Amino acid sequence: MKRVDVFSMQIVAKYFQFITDYLYIIQVCKKYKFLLDRFRINPIRISPKYKPLFTHIQTQIVFTPYDIIVPVDRHIFLYYVSYQEYKEKNTQTEVYKNVRYTTEDIEKYGSKIPEEVSQLGNYL
């Protein structure tokens, strides 16, 4: 019978969607006890209650504006922001992946759509 090593389990764990999945897997056997210490990017949202689980992350993925921000080297924001907010906040340590070009941005920056923009329209 083949067994799943720690590295392979880390790859599988990247696709877990619930914090309980991580809690269950680290209880399966001793070799998975420190599985969460191997993650350098949080695979799921970090909540205040489960913040201590991902202690070694270097880059935080921020899924929604309501996620807590952990003091780490880099943040990647996956929720939509306006182009103006992108221009004000985007740095090497804070990266915005989804930029929306709104009518307010057109009035301020012109009708030529910048390359960084991934969606057109106003906030709903």
PDB file of N, CA and C in Angstrom:
ATOM      1  N   MET A   1       0.843  -1.189   0.000  1.00  0.00           N
ATOM      2  CA  MET A   1       0.000   0.000   0.000  1.00  0.00           C
ATOM      3  C   MET A   1       0.884   1.246   0.000  1.00  0.00           C
ATOM      4  N   LYS A   2       0.611   2.182  -0.867  1.00  0.00           N
ATOM      5  CA  LYS A   2       1.367   3.435  -0.936  1.00  0.00           C
ATOM      6  C   LYS A   2       0.883   4.393   0.134  1.00  0.00           C
ATOM      7  N   ARG A   3       1.789   5.260   0.582  1.00  0.00           N
ATOM      8  CA  ARG A   3       1.442   6.258   1.591  1.00  0.00           C
ATOM      9  C   ARG A   3       1.718   7.650   1.022  1.00  0.00           C
ATOM     10  N   VAL A   4       0.971   8.622   1.500  1.00  0.00           N
ATOM     11  CA  VAL A   4       1.118   9.997   1.028  1.00  0.00           C
ATOM     12  C   VAL A   4       2.158  10.689   1.899  1.00  0.00           C
ATOM     13  N   ASP A   5       3.241  11.152   1.275  1.00  0.00           N
ATOM     14  CA  ASP A   5       4.275  11.854   2.043  1.00  0.00           C
ATOM     15  C   ASP A   5       3.825  13.288   2.339  1.00  0.00           C
ATOM     16  N   VAL A   6       4.591  13.988   3.162  1.00  0.00           N
ATOM     17  CA  VAL A   6       4.213  15.330   3.619  1.00  0.00           C
ATOM     18  C   VAL A   6       4.147  16.312   2.451  1.00  0.00           C
ATOM     19  N   PHE A   7       5.107  16.234   1.536  1.00  0.00           N
ATOM     20  CA  PHE A   7       5.116  17.146   0.395  1.00  0.00           C
ATOM     21  C   PHE A   7       3.857  16.963  -0.458  1.00  0.00           C
ATOM     22  N   SER A   8       3.506  15.720  -0.742  1.00  0.00           N
ATOM     23  CA  SER A   8       2.311  15.454  -1.546  1.00  0.00           C
ATOM     24  C   SER A   8       1.050  15.904  -0.824  1.00  0.00           C
ATOM     25  N   MET A   9       1.014  15.715   0.491  1.00  0.00           N
ATOM     26  CA  MET A   9      -0.154  16.153   1.258  1.00  0.00           C
ATOM     27  C   MET A   9      -0.268  17.671   1.247  1.00  0.00           C
ATOM     28  N   GLN A  10       0.872  18.369   1.218  1.00  0.00           N
ATOM     29  CA  GLN A  10       0.832  19.833   1.146  1.00  0.00           C
ATOM     30  C   GLN A  10       0.207  20.273  -0.175  1.00  0.00           C
ATOM     31  N   ILE A  11       0.535  19.590  -1.238  1.00  0.00           N
ATOM     32  CA  ILE A  11      -0.050  19.915  -2.542  1.00  0.00           C
ATOM     33  C   ILE A  11      -1.557  19.661  -2.525  1.00  0.00           C
ATOM     34  N   VAL A  12      -1.972  18.552  -1.947  1.00  0.00           N
ATOM     35  CA  VAL A  12      -3.399  18.247  -1.830  1.00  0.00           C
ATOM     36  C   VAL A  12      -4.086  19.287  -0.949  1.00  0.00           C
ATOM     37  N   ALA A  13      -3.453  19.662   0.153  1.00  0.00           N
ATOM     38  CA  ALA A  13      -4.051  20.588   1.126  1.00  0.00           C
ATOM     39  C   ALA A  13      -4.259  21.985   0.553  1.00  0.00           C
ATOM     40  N   LYS A  14      -3.514  22.354  -0.480  1.00  0.00           N
ATOM     41  CA  LYS A  14      -3.716  23.663  -1.113  1.00  0.00           C
ATOM     42  C   LYS A  14      -5.145  23.832  -1.606  1.00  0.00           C
ATOM     43  N   TYR A  15      -5.796  22.734  -1.910  1.00  0.00           N
ATOM     44  CA  TYR A  15      -7.128  22.780  -2.501  1.00  0.00           C
ATOM     45  C   TYR A  15      -8.248  22.607  -1.479  1.00  0.00           C
ATOM     46  N   PHE A  16      -7.912  22.489  -0.206  1.00  0.00           N
ATOM     47  CA  PHE A  16      -8.947  22.420   0.825  1.00  0.00           C
ATOM     48  C   PHE A  16      -9.682  23.750   0.877  1.00  0.00           C
ATOM     49  N   GLN A  17     -10.966  23.714   1.181  1.00  0.00           N
ATOM     50  CA  GLN A  17     -11.761  24.934   1.205  1.00  0.00           C
ATOM     51  C   GLN A  17     -12.172  25.363   2.600  1.00  0.00           C
ATOM     52  N   PHE A  18     -12.059  24.471   3.564  1.00  0.00           N
ATOM     53  CA  PHE A  18     -12.529  24.780   4.913  1.00  0.00           C
ATOM     54  C   PHE A  18     -11.411  24.590   5.927  1.00  0.00           C
ATOM     55  N   ILE A  19     -11.423  25.395   6.953  1.00  0.00           N
ATOM     56  CA  ILE A  19     -10.403  25.313   7.998  1.00  0.00           C
ATOM     57  C   ILE A  19     -10.469  23.968   8.706  1.00  0.00           C
ATOM     58  N   THR A  20     -11.656  23.392   8.794  1.00  0.00           N
ATOM     59  CA  THR A  20     -11.784  22.089   9.457  1.00  0.00           C
ATOM     60  C   THR A  20     -11.020  20.998   8.714  1.00  0.00           C
ATOM     61  N   ASP A  21     -10.915  21.110   7.394  1.00  0.00           N
ATOM     62  CA  ASP A  21     -10.131  20.138   6.627  1.00  0.00           C
ATOM     63  C   ASP A  21      -8.676  20.150   7.080  1.00  0.00           C
ATOM     64  N   TYR A  22      -8.135  21.330   7.318  1.00  0.00           N
ATOM     65  CA  TYR A  22      -6.752  21.444   7.792  1.00  0.00           C
ATOM     66  C   TYR A  22      -6.615  20.900   9.205  1.00  0.00           C
ATOM     67  N   LEU A  23      -7.580  21.187  10.039  1.00  0.00           N
ATOM     68  CA  LEU A  23      -7.532  20.689  11.414  1.00  0.00           C
ATOM     69  C   LEU A  23      -7.591  19.167  11.444  1.00  0.00           C
ATOM     70  N   TYR A  24      -8.404  18.571  10.590  1.00  0.00           N
ATOM     71  CA  TYR A  24      -8.506  17.115  10.551  1.00  0.00           C
ATOM     72  C   TYR A  24      -7.219  16.484  10.030  1.00  0.00           C
ATOM     73  N   ILE A  25      -6.639  17.050   8.998  1.00  0.00           N
ATOM     74  CA  ILE A  25      -5.469  16.419   8.378  1.00  0.00           C
ATOM     75  C   ILE A  25      -4.250  16.448   9.299  1.00  0.00           C
ATOM     76  N   ILE A  26      -4.091  17.495  10.099  1.00  0.00           N
ATOM     77  CA  ILE A  26      -2.920  17.517  10.991  1.00  0.00           C
ATOM     78  C   ILE A  26      -3.090  16.548  12.160  1.00  0.00           C
ATOM     79  N   GLN A  27      -4.279  16.011  12.333  1.00  0.00           N
ATOM     80  CA  GLN A  27      -4.518  15.023  13.380  1.00  0.00           C
ATOM     81  C   GLN A  27      -4.433  13.583  12.869  1.00  0.00           C
ATOM     82  N   VAL A  28      -4.237  13.404  11.579  1.00  0.00           N
ATOM     83  CA  VAL A  28      -4.220  12.064  10.997  1.00  0.00           C
ATOM     84  C   VAL A  28      -3.024  11.255  11.495  1.00  0.00           C
ATOM     85  N   CYS A  29      -1.842  11.834  11.424  1.00  0.00           N
ATOM     86  CA  CYS A  29      -0.652  11.141  11.909  1.00  0.00           C
ATOM     87  C   CYS A  29       0.422  12.164  12.271  1.00  0.00           C
ATOM     88  N   LYS A  30       1.491  11.675  12.901  1.00  0.00           N
ATOM     89  CA  LYS A  30       2.538  12.578  13.402  1.00  0.00           C
ATOM     90  C   LYS A  30       3.242  13.338  12.285  1.00  0.00           C
ATOM     91  N   LYS A  31       3.414  12.708  11.134  1.00  0.00           N
ATOM     92  CA  LYS A  31       4.164  13.382  10.071  1.00  0.00           C
ATOM     93  C   LYS A  31       3.420  14.590   9.501  1.00  0.00           C
ATOM     94  N   TYR A  32       2.105  14.663   9.681  1.00  0.00           N
ATOM     95  CA  TYR A  32       1.336  15.816   9.208  1.00  0.00           C
ATOM     96  C   TYR A  32       1.155  16.886  10.272  1.00  0.00           C
ATOM     97  N   LYS A  33       1.698  16.669  11.448  1.00  0.00           N
ATOM     98  CA  LYS A  33       1.500  17.596  12.568  1.00  0.00           C
ATOM     99  C   LYS A  33       1.952  19.018  12.227  1.00  0.00           C
ATOM    100  N   PHE A  34       3.062  19.140  11.502  1.00  0.00           N
ATOM    101  CA  PHE A  34       3.611  20.454  11.164  1.00  0.00           C
ATOM    102  C   PHE A  34       3.364  20.827   9.699  1.00  0.00           C
ATOM    103  N   LEU A  35       2.349  20.226   9.104  1.00  0.00           N
ATOM    104  CA  LEU A  35       2.028  20.498   7.702  1.00  0.00           C
ATOM    105  C   LEU A  35       1.748  21.977   7.456  1.00  0.00           C
ATOM    106  N   LEU A  36       1.029  22.624   8.347  1.00  0.00           N
ATOM    107  CA  LEU A  36       0.664  24.032   8.153  1.00  0.00           C
ATOM    108  C   LEU A  36       1.868  24.961   8.259  1.00  0.00           C
ATOM    109  N   ASP A  37       2.934  24.522   8.917  1.00  0.00           N
ATOM    110  CA  ASP A  37       4.153  25.333   9.001  1.00  0.00           C
ATOM    111  C   ASP A  37       4.882  25.400   7.668  1.00  0.00           C
ATOM    112  N   ARG A  38       4.558  24.528   6.751  1.00  0.00           N
ATOM    113  CA  ARG A  38       5.217  24.490   5.446  1.00  0.00           C
ATOM    114  C   ARG A  38       4.638  25.506   4.458  1.00  0.00           C
ATOM    115  N   PHE A  39       3.453  26.013   4.748  1.00  0.00           N
ATOM    116  CA  PHE A  39       2.811  26.963   3.840  1.00  0.00           C
ATOM    117  C   PHE A  39       3.444  28.341   3.970  1.00  0.00           C
ATOM    118  N   ARG A  40       3.782  28.960   2.840  1.00  0.00           N
ATOM    119  CA  ARG A  40       4.327  30.322   2.816  1.00  0.00           C
ATOM    120  C   ARG A  40       3.276  31.321   2.336  1.00  0.00           C
ATOM    121  N   ILE A  41       2.184  30.801   1.776  1.00  0.00           N
ATOM    122  CA  ILE A  41       1.039  31.607   1.343  1.00  0.00           C
ATOM    123  C   ILE A  41      -0.203  30.954   1.944  1.00  0.00           C
ATOM    124  N   ASN A  42      -1.099  31.757   2.491  1.00  0.00           N
ATOM    125  CA  ASN A  42      -2.310  31.180   3.069  1.00  0.00           C
ATOM    126  C   ASN A  42      -3.234  30.675   1.962  1.00  0.00           C
ATOM    127  N   PRO A  43      -3.619  29.409   1.997  1.00  0.00           N
ATOM    128  CA  PRO A  43      -4.483  28.864   0.950  1.00  0.00           C
ATOM    129  C   PRO A  43      -5.960  29.214   1.127  1.00  0.00           C
ATOM    130  N   ILE A  44      -6.362  29.599   2.332  1.00  0.00           N
ATOM    131  CA  ILE A  44      -7.742  29.986   2.607  1.00  0.00           C
ATOM    132  C   ILE A  44      -7.734  31.277   3.409  1.00  0.00           C
ATOM    133  N   ARG A  45      -8.927  31.850   3.600  1.00  0.00           N
ATOM    134  CA  ARG A  45      -9.038  33.093   4.375  1.00  0.00           C
ATOM    135  C   ARG A  45      -8.534  32.877   5.794  1.00  0.00           C
ATOM    136  N   ILE A  46      -7.901  33.905   6.337  1.00  0.00           N
ATOM    137  CA  ILE A  46      -7.427  33.856   7.716  1.00  0.00           C
ATOM    138  C   ILE A  46      -8.436  34.581   8.592  1.00  0.00           C
ATOM    139  N   SER A  47      -8.953  33.874   9.570  1.00  0.00           N
ATOM    140  CA  SER A  47      -9.889  34.479  10.517  1.00  0.00           C
ATOM    141  C   SER A  47      -9.163  34.698  11.840  1.00  0.00           C
ATOM    142  N   PRO A  48      -9.660  35.590  12.677  1.00  0.00           N
ATOM    143  CA  PRO A  48      -8.991  35.843  13.961  1.00  0.00           C
ATOM    144  C   PRO A  48      -8.843  34.580  14.812  1.00  0.00           C
ATOM    145  N   LYS A  49      -9.842  33.718  14.746  1.00  0.00           N
ATOM    146  CA  LYS A  49      -9.810  32.502  15.556  1.00  0.00           C
ATOM    147  C   LYS A  49      -8.718  31.535  15.099  1.00  0.00           C
ATOM    148  N   TYR A  50      -8.501  31.435  13.788  1.00  0.00           N
ATOM    149  CA  TYR A  50      -7.553  30.463  13.250  1.00  0.00           C
ATOM    150  C   TYR A  50      -6.261  31.101  12.744  1.00  0.00           C
ATOM    151  N   LYS A  51      -6.030  32.319  13.086  1.00  0.00           N
ATOM    152  CA  LYS A  51      -4.809  33.020  12.680  1.00  0.00           C
ATOM    153  C   LYS A  51      -3.533  32.282  13.108  1.00  0.00           C
ATOM    154  N   PRO A  52      -3.487  31.670  14.305  1.00  0.00           N
ATOM    155  CA  PRO A  52      -2.265  30.967  14.722  1.00  0.00           C
ATOM    156  C   PRO A  52      -1.931  29.715  13.914  1.00  0.00           C
ATOM    157  N   LEU A  53      -2.837  29.226  13.089  1.00  0.00           N
ATOM    158  CA  LEU A  53      -2.550  28.019  12.318  1.00  0.00           C
ATOM    159  C   LEU A  53      -1.483  28.249  11.253  1.00  0.00           C
ATOM    160  N   PHE A  54      -1.524  29.386  10.595  1.00  0.00           N
ATOM    161  CA  PHE A  54      -0.569  29.684   9.524  1.00  0.00           C
ATOM    162  C   PHE A  54       0.464  30.685  10.052  1.00  0.00           C
ATOM    163  N   THR A  55       1.402  30.192  10.826  1.00  0.00           N
ATOM    164  CA  THR A  55       2.361  31.082  11.496  1.00  0.00           C
ATOM    165  C   THR A  55       3.553  31.444  10.628  1.00  0.00           C
ATOM    166  N   HIS A  56       3.823  30.684   9.572  1.00  0.00           N
ATOM    167  CA  HIS A  56       5.030  30.907   8.777  1.00  0.00           C
ATOM    168  C   HIS A  56       4.767  31.499   7.397  1.00  0.00           C
ATOM    169  N   ILE A  57       3.594  32.078   7.196  1.00  0.00           N
ATOM    170  CA  ILE A  57       3.331  32.635   5.868  1.00  0.00           C
ATOM    171  C   ILE A  57       4.155  33.909   5.657  1.00  0.00           C
ATOM    172  N   GLN A  58       4.624  34.077   4.437  1.00  0.00           N
ATOM    173  CA  GLN A  58       5.383  35.263   4.051  1.00  0.00           C
ATOM    174  C   GLN A  58       4.544  36.179   3.171  1.00  0.00           C
ATOM    175  N   THR A  59       3.574  35.592   2.478  1.00  0.00           N
ATOM    176  CA  THR A  59       2.667  36.344   1.616  1.00  0.00           C
ATOM    177  C   THR A  59       1.243  35.998   2.011  1.00  0.00           C
ATOM    178  N   GLN A  60       0.449  37.023   2.254  1.00  0.00           N
ATOM    179  CA  GLN A  60      -0.952  36.786   2.600  1.00  0.00           C
ATOM    180  C   GLN A  60      -1.828  37.074   1.396  1.00  0.00           C
ATOM    181  N   ILE A  61      -2.678  36.115   1.068  1.00  0.00           N
ATOM    182  CA  ILE A  61      -3.694  36.321   0.051  1.00  0.00           C
ATOM    183  C   ILE A  61      -4.912  36.904   0.763  1.00  0.00           C
ATOM    184  N   VAL A  62      -5.370  38.067   0.321  1.00  0.00           N
ATOM    185  CA  VAL A  62      -6.535  38.715   0.923  1.00  0.00           C
ATOM    186  C   VAL A  62      -7.696  38.518  -0.051  1.00  0.00           C
ATOM    187  N   PHE A  63      -8.663  37.705   0.349  1.00  0.00           N
ATOM    188  CA  PHE A  63      -9.755  37.315  -0.539  1.00  0.00           C
ATOM    189  C   PHE A  63     -10.885  38.334  -0.585  1.00  0.00           C
ATOM    190  N   THR A  64     -11.175  38.991   0.535  1.00  0.00           N
ATOM    191  CA  THR A  64     -12.259  39.973   0.597  1.00  0.00           C
ATOM    192  C   THR A  64     -11.784  41.197   1.374  1.00  0.00           C
ATOM    193  N   PRO A  65     -12.473  42.313   1.252  1.00  0.00           N
ATOM    194  CA  PRO A  65     -12.086  43.496   2.028  1.00  0.00           C
ATOM    195  C   PRO A  65     -12.276  43.298   3.531  1.00  0.00           C
ATOM    196  N   TYR A  66     -12.971  42.250   3.922  1.00  0.00           N
ATOM    197  CA  TYR A  66     -13.256  42.010   5.336  1.00  0.00           C
ATOM    198  C   TYR A  66     -12.254  41.067   5.999  1.00  0.00           C
ATOM    199  N   ASP A  67     -11.306  40.535   5.241  1.00  0.00           N
ATOM    200  CA  ASP A  67     -10.276  39.668   5.821  1.00  0.00           C
ATOM    201  C   ASP A  67      -9.382  40.466   6.751  1.00  0.00           C
ATOM    202  N   ILE A  68      -8.885  39.804   7.784  1.00  0.00           N
ATOM    203  CA  ILE A  68      -7.929  40.486   8.655  1.00  0.00           C
ATOM    204  C   ILE A  68      -6.574  40.504   7.952  1.00  0.00           C
ATOM    205  N   ILE A  69      -5.834  41.564   8.164  1.00  0.00           N
ATOM    206  CA  ILE A  69      -4.514  41.705   7.562  1.00  0.00           C
ATOM    207  C   ILE A  69      -3.475  41.312   8.602  1.00  0.00           C
ATOM    208  N   VAL A  70      -2.633  40.364   8.225  1.00  0.00           N
ATOM    209  CA  VAL A  70      -1.580  39.880   9.104  1.00  0.00           C
ATOM    210  C   VAL A  70      -0.285  40.594   8.716  1.00  0.00           C
ATOM    211  N   PRO A  71       0.528  41.009   9.678  1.00  0.00           N
ATOM    212  CA  PRO A  71       1.790  41.668   9.319  1.00  0.00           C
ATOM    213  C   PRO A  71       2.798  40.667   8.735  1.00  0.00           C
ATOM    214  N   VAL A  72       2.854  40.617   7.411  1.00  0.00           N
ATOM    215  CA  VAL A  72       3.790  39.747   6.696  1.00  0.00           C
ATOM    216  C   VAL A  72       4.504  40.575   5.633  1.00  0.00           C
ATOM    217  N   ASP A  73       5.426  39.943   4.915  1.00  0.00           N
ATOM    218  CA  ASP A  73       6.245  40.649   3.928  1.00  0.00           C
ATOM    219  C   ASP A  73       5.442  41.198   2.753  1.00  0.00           C
ATOM    220  N   ARG A  74       4.402  40.471   2.334  1.00  0.00           N
ATOM    221  CA  ARG A  74       3.700  40.845   1.107  1.00  0.00           C
ATOM    222  C   ARG A  74       2.223  40.485   1.214  1.00  0.00           C
ATOM    223  N   HIS A  75       1.379  41.281   0.577  1.00  0.00           N
ATOM    224  CA  HIS A  75      -0.058  41.019   0.521  1.00  0.00           C
ATOM    225  C   HIS A  75      -0.498  41.018  -0.939  1.00  0.00           C
ATOM    226  N   ILE A  76      -1.323  40.043  -1.302  1.00  0.00           N
ATOM    227  CA  ILE A  76      -1.916  39.983  -2.633  1.00  0.00           C
ATOM    228  C   ILE A  76      -3.426  40.068  -2.451  1.00  0.00           C
ATOM    229  N   PHE A  77      -4.027  41.093  -3.034  1.00  0.00           N
ATOM    230  CA  PHE A  77      -5.458  41.346  -2.878  1.00  0.00           C
ATOM    231  C   PHE A  77      -6.197  40.792  -4.091  1.00  0.00           C
ATOM    232  N   LEU A  78      -7.156  39.906  -3.855  1.00  0.00           N
ATOM    233  CA  LEU A  78      -7.889  39.272  -4.949  1.00  0.00           C
ATOM    234  C   LEU A  78      -9.262  39.876  -5.201  1.00  0.00           C
ATOM    235  N   TYR A  79      -9.726  40.737  -4.328  1.00  0.00           N
ATOM    236  CA  TYR A  79     -11.034  41.354  -4.544  1.00  0.00           C
ATOM    237  C   TYR A  79     -10.874  42.581  -5.443  1.00  0.00           C
ATOM    238  N   TYR A  80     -12.004  43.013  -6.047  1.00  0.00           N
ATOM    239  CA  TYR A  80     -11.962  44.135  -6.983  1.00  0.00           C
ATOM    240  C   TYR A  80     -11.781  45.467  -6.262  1.00  0.00           C
ATOM    241  N   VAL A  81     -10.907  46.299  -6.819  1.00  0.00           N
ATOM    242  CA  VAL A  81     -10.710  47.667  -6.335  1.00  0.00           C
ATOM    243  C   VAL A  81     -10.805  48.598  -7.539  1.00  0.00           C
ATOM    244  N   SER A  82     -11.089  49.856  -7.288  1.00  0.00           N
ATOM    245  CA  SER A  82     -11.144  50.827  -8.386  1.00  0.00           C
ATOM    246  C   SER A  82      -9.723  51.134  -8.852  1.00  0.00           C
ATOM    247  N   TYR A  83      -9.625  51.666 -10.049  1.00  0.00           N
ATOM    248  CA  TYR A  83      -8.311  52.014 -10.586  1.00  0.00           C
ATOM    249  C   TYR A  83      -7.643  53.078  -9.722  1.00  0.00           C
ATOM    250  N   GLN A  84      -8.415  53.999  -9.193  1.00  0.00           N
ATOM    251  CA  GLN A  84      -7.858  55.042  -8.332  1.00  0.00           C
ATOM    252  C   GLN A  84      -7.243  54.425  -7.070  1.00  0.00           C
ATOM    253  N   GLU A  85      -7.939  53.487  -6.461  1.00  0.00           N
ATOM    254  CA  GLU A  85      -7.400  52.816  -5.274  1.00  0.00           C
ATOM    255  C   GLU A  85      -6.148  52.018  -5.634  1.00  0.00           C
ATOM    256  N   TYR A  86      -6.162  51.389  -6.796  1.00  0.00           N
ATOM    257  CA  TYR A  86      -4.997  50.655  -7.285  1.00  0.00           C
ATOM    258  C   TYR A  86      -3.791  51.581  -7.426  1.00  0.00           C
ATOM    259  N   LYS A  87      -4.013  52.748  -8.041  1.00  0.00           N
ATOM    260  CA  LYS A  87      -2.915  53.711  -8.230  1.00  0.00           C
ATOM    261  C   LYS A  87      -2.352  54.190  -6.893  1.00  0.00           C
ATOM    262  N   GLU A  88      -3.218  54.366  -5.898  1.00  0.00           N
ATOM    263  CA  GLU A  88      -2.791  54.878  -4.598  1.00  0.00           C
ATOM    264  C   GLU A  88      -2.060  53.836  -3.762  1.00  0.00           C
ATOM    265  N   LYS A  89      -2.461  52.571  -3.863  1.00  0.00           N
ATOM    266  CA  LYS A  89      -1.979  51.570  -2.913  1.00  0.00           C
ATOM    267  C   LYS A  89      -1.059  50.500  -3.490  1.00  0.00           C
ATOM    268  N   ASN A  90      -1.023  50.310  -4.801  1.00  0.00           N
ATOM    269  CA  ASN A  90      -0.248  49.221  -5.382  1.00  0.00           C
ATOM    270  C   ASN A  90       1.254  49.473  -5.234  1.00  0.00           C
ATOM    271  N   THR A  91       1.941  48.560  -4.578  1.00  0.00           N
ATOM    272  CA  THR A  91       3.397  48.610  -4.415  1.00  0.00           C
ATOM    273  C   THR A  91       3.935  47.199  -4.602  1.00  0.00           C
ATOM    274  N   GLN A  92       5.238  47.019  -4.390  1.00  0.00           N
ATOM    275  CA  GLN A  92       5.800  45.670  -4.481  1.00  0.00           C
ATOM    276  C   GLN A  92       5.311  44.785  -3.344  1.00  0.00           C
ATOM    277  N   THR A  93       4.990  45.391  -2.209  1.00  0.00           N
ATOM    278  CA  THR A  93       4.542  44.602  -1.060  1.00  0.00           C
ATOM    279  C   THR A  93       3.023  44.484  -0.985  1.00  0.00           C
ATOM    280  N   GLU A  94       2.301  45.293  -1.726  1.00  0.00           N
ATOM    281  CA  GLU A  94       0.839  45.214  -1.782  1.00  0.00           C
ATOM    282  C   GLU A  94       0.419  45.168  -3.246  1.00  0.00           C
ATOM    283  N   VAL A  95      -0.007  43.999  -3.683  1.00  0.00           N
ATOM    284  CA  VAL A  95      -0.324  43.772  -5.086  1.00  0.00           C
ATOM    285  C   VAL A  95      -1.830  43.563  -5.236  1.00  0.00           C
ATOM    286  N   TYR A  96      -2.425  44.286  -6.173  1.00  0.00           N
ATOM    287  CA  TYR A  96      -3.861  44.178  -6.453  1.00  0.00           C
ATOM    288  C   TYR A  96      -4.033  43.481  -7.792  1.00  0.00           C
ATOM    289  N   LYS A  97      -4.720  42.340  -7.798  1.00  0.00           N
ATOM    290  CA  LYS A  97      -4.868  41.526  -9.003  1.00  0.00           C
ATOM    291  C   LYS A  97      -6.119  41.853  -9.817  1.00  0.00           C
ATOM    292  N   ASN A  98      -7.158  42.370  -9.181  1.00  0.00           N
ATOM    293  CA  ASN A  98      -8.423  42.640  -9.871  1.00  0.00           C
ATOM    294  C   ASN A  98      -8.761  44.121  -9.769  1.00  0.00           C
ATOM    295  N   VAL A  99      -8.586  44.816 -10.889  1.00  0.00           N
ATOM    296  CA  VAL A  99      -8.790  46.265 -10.919  1.00  0.00           C
ATOM    297  C   VAL A  99      -9.989  46.573 -11.807  1.00  0.00           C
ATOM    298  N   ARG A 100     -10.887  47.393 -11.294  1.00  0.00           N
ATOM    299  CA  ARG A 100     -12.106  47.782 -12.005  1.00  0.00           C
ATOM    300  C   ARG A 100     -11.983  49.253 -12.411  1.00  0.00           C
ATOM    301  N   TYR A 101     -12.236  49.537 -13.676  1.00  0.00           N
ATOM    302  CA  TYR A 101     -12.175  50.905 -14.197  1.00  0.00           C
ATOM    303  C   TYR A 101     -13.588  51.477 -14.182  1.00  0.00           C
ATOM    304  N   THR A 102     -13.844  52.416 -13.279  1.00  0.00           N
ATOM    305  CA  THR A 102     -15.187  52.963 -13.076  1.00  0.00           C
ATOM    306  C   THR A 102     -15.371  54.271 -13.844  1.00  0.00           C
ATOM    307  N   THR A 103     -16.591  54.790 -13.840  1.00  0.00           N
ATOM    308  CA  THR A 103     -16.855  56.066 -14.511  1.00  0.00           C
ATOM    309  C   THR A 103     -16.093  57.199 -13.830  1.00  0.00           C
ATOM    310  N   GLU A 104     -15.900  57.109 -12.527  1.00  0.00           N
ATOM    311  CA  GLU A 104     -15.101  58.120 -11.820  1.00  0.00           C
ATOM    312  C   GLU A 104     -13.647  58.084 -12.288  1.00  0.00           C
ATOM    313  N   ASP A 105     -13.148  56.883 -12.571  1.00  0.00           N
ATOM    314  CA  ASP A 105     -11.782  56.748 -13.077  1.00  0.00           C
ATOM    315  C   ASP A 105     -11.665  57.326 -14.484  1.00  0.00           C
ATOM    316  N   ILE A 106     -12.701  57.153 -15.295  1.00  0.00           N
ATOM    317  CA  ILE A 106     -12.699  57.718 -16.649  1.00  0.00           C
ATOM    318  C   ILE A 106     -12.632  59.236 -16.578  1.00  0.00           C
ATOM    319  N   GLU A 107     -13.402  59.835 -15.666  1.00  0.00           N
ATOM    320  CA  GLU A 107     -13.380  61.288 -15.504  1.00  0.00           C
ATOM    321  C   GLU A 107     -12.013  61.783 -15.051  1.00  0.00           C
ATOM    322  N   LYS A 108     -11.342  61.014 -14.227  1.00  0.00           N
ATOM    323  CA  LYS A 108     -10.064  61.452 -13.665  1.00  0.00           C
ATOM    324  C   LYS A 108      -8.868  61.106 -14.557  1.00  0.00           C
ATOM    325  N   TYR A 109      -8.870  59.897 -15.155  1.00  0.00           N
ATOM    326  CA  TYR A 109      -7.698  59.417 -15.893  1.00  0.00           C
ATOM    327  C   TYR A 109      -7.897  59.341 -17.401  1.00  0.00           C
ATOM    328  N   GLY A 110      -9.110  59.568 -17.889  1.00  0.00           N
ATOM    329  CA  GLY A 110      -9.352  59.530 -19.324  1.00  0.00           C
ATOM    330  C   GLY A 110     -10.002  58.227 -19.765  1.00  0.00           C
ATOM    331  N   SER A 111     -10.380  58.189 -21.046  1.00  0.00           N
ATOM    332  CA  SER A 111     -11.126  57.036 -21.557  1.00  0.00           C
ATOM    333  C   SER A 111     -10.232  55.895 -22.040  1.00  0.00           C
ATOM    334  N   LYS A 112      -8.925  56.127 -22.146  1.00  0.00           N
ATOM    335  CA  LYS A 112      -8.013  55.047 -22.535  1.00  0.00           C
ATOM    336  C   LYS A 112      -7.878  54.090 -21.353  1.00  0.00           C
ATOM    337  N   ILE A 113      -8.195  52.835 -21.575  1.00  0.00           N
ATOM    338  CA  ILE A 113      -8.202  51.846 -20.495  1.00  0.00           C
ATOM    339  C   ILE A 113      -6.779  51.341 -20.249  1.00  0.00           C
ATOM    340  N   PRO A 114      -6.282  51.481 -19.030  1.00  0.00           N
ATOM    341  CA  PRO A 114      -4.933  51.003 -18.703  1.00  0.00           C
ATOM    342  C   PRO A 114      -4.834  49.475 -18.760  1.00  0.00           C
ATOM    343  N   GLU A 115      -3.619  48.962 -18.957  1.00  0.00           N
ATOM    344  CA  GLU A 115      -3.391  47.521 -19.052  1.00  0.00           C
ATOM    345  C   GLU A 115      -3.738  46.786 -17.761  1.00  0.00           C
ATOM    346  N   GLU A 116      -3.597  47.453 -16.630  1.00  0.00           N
ATOM    347  CA  GLU A 116      -3.814  46.808 -15.329  1.00  0.00           C
ATOM    348  C   GLU A 116      -5.278  46.477 -15.067  1.00  0.00           C
ATOM    349  N   VAL A 117      -6.180  47.080 -15.814  1.00  0.00           N
ATOM    350  CA  VAL A 117      -7.614  46.932 -15.582  1.00  0.00           C
ATOM    351  C   VAL A 117      -8.085  45.557 -16.056  1.00  0.00           C
ATOM    352  N   SER A 118      -8.885  44.896 -15.209  1.00  0.00           N
ATOM    353  CA  SER A 118      -9.419  43.584 -15.562  1.00  0.00           C
ATOM    354  C   SER A 118     -10.941  43.578 -15.700  1.00  0.00           C
ATOM    355  N   GLN A 119     -11.596  44.692 -15.323  1.00  0.00           N
ATOM    356  CA  GLN A 119     -13.054  44.767 -15.443  1.00  0.00           C
ATOM    357  C   GLN A 119     -13.478  46.220 -15.599  1.00  0.00           C
ATOM    358  N   LEU A 120     -14.544  46.423 -16.369  1.00  0.00           N
ATOM    359  CA  LEU A 120     -15.112  47.753 -16.540  1.00  0.00           C
ATOM    360  C   LEU A 120     -16.419  47.849 -15.774  1.00  0.00           C
ATOM    361  N   GLY A 121     -16.720  49.027 -15.233  1.00  0.00           N
ATOM    362  CA  GLY A 121     -18.003  49.229 -14.584  1.00  0.00           C
ATOM    363  C   GLY A 121     -17.882  49.773 -13.182  1.00  0.00           C
ATOM    364  N   ASN A 122     -19.032  50.147 -12.630  1.00  0.00           N
ATOM    365  CA  ASN A 122     -19.088  50.695 -11.278  1.00  0.00           C
ATOM    366  C   ASN A 122     -19.307  49.587 -10.271  1.00  0.00           C
ATOM    367  N   TYR A 123     -19.094  49.936  -9.013  1.00  0.00           N
ATOM    368  CA  TYR A 123     -19.364  48.993  -7.933  1.00  0.00           C
ATOM    369  C   TYR A 123     -20.862  48.794  -7.819  1.00  0.00           C
ATOM    370  N   LEU A 124     -21.260  47.598  -7.540  1.00  0.00           N
ATOM    371  CA  LEU A 124     -22.687  47.297  -7.398  1.00  0.00           C
ATOM    372  C   LEU A 124     -23.104  47.420  -5.961  1.00  0.00           C
TER     373      LEU A 124
END
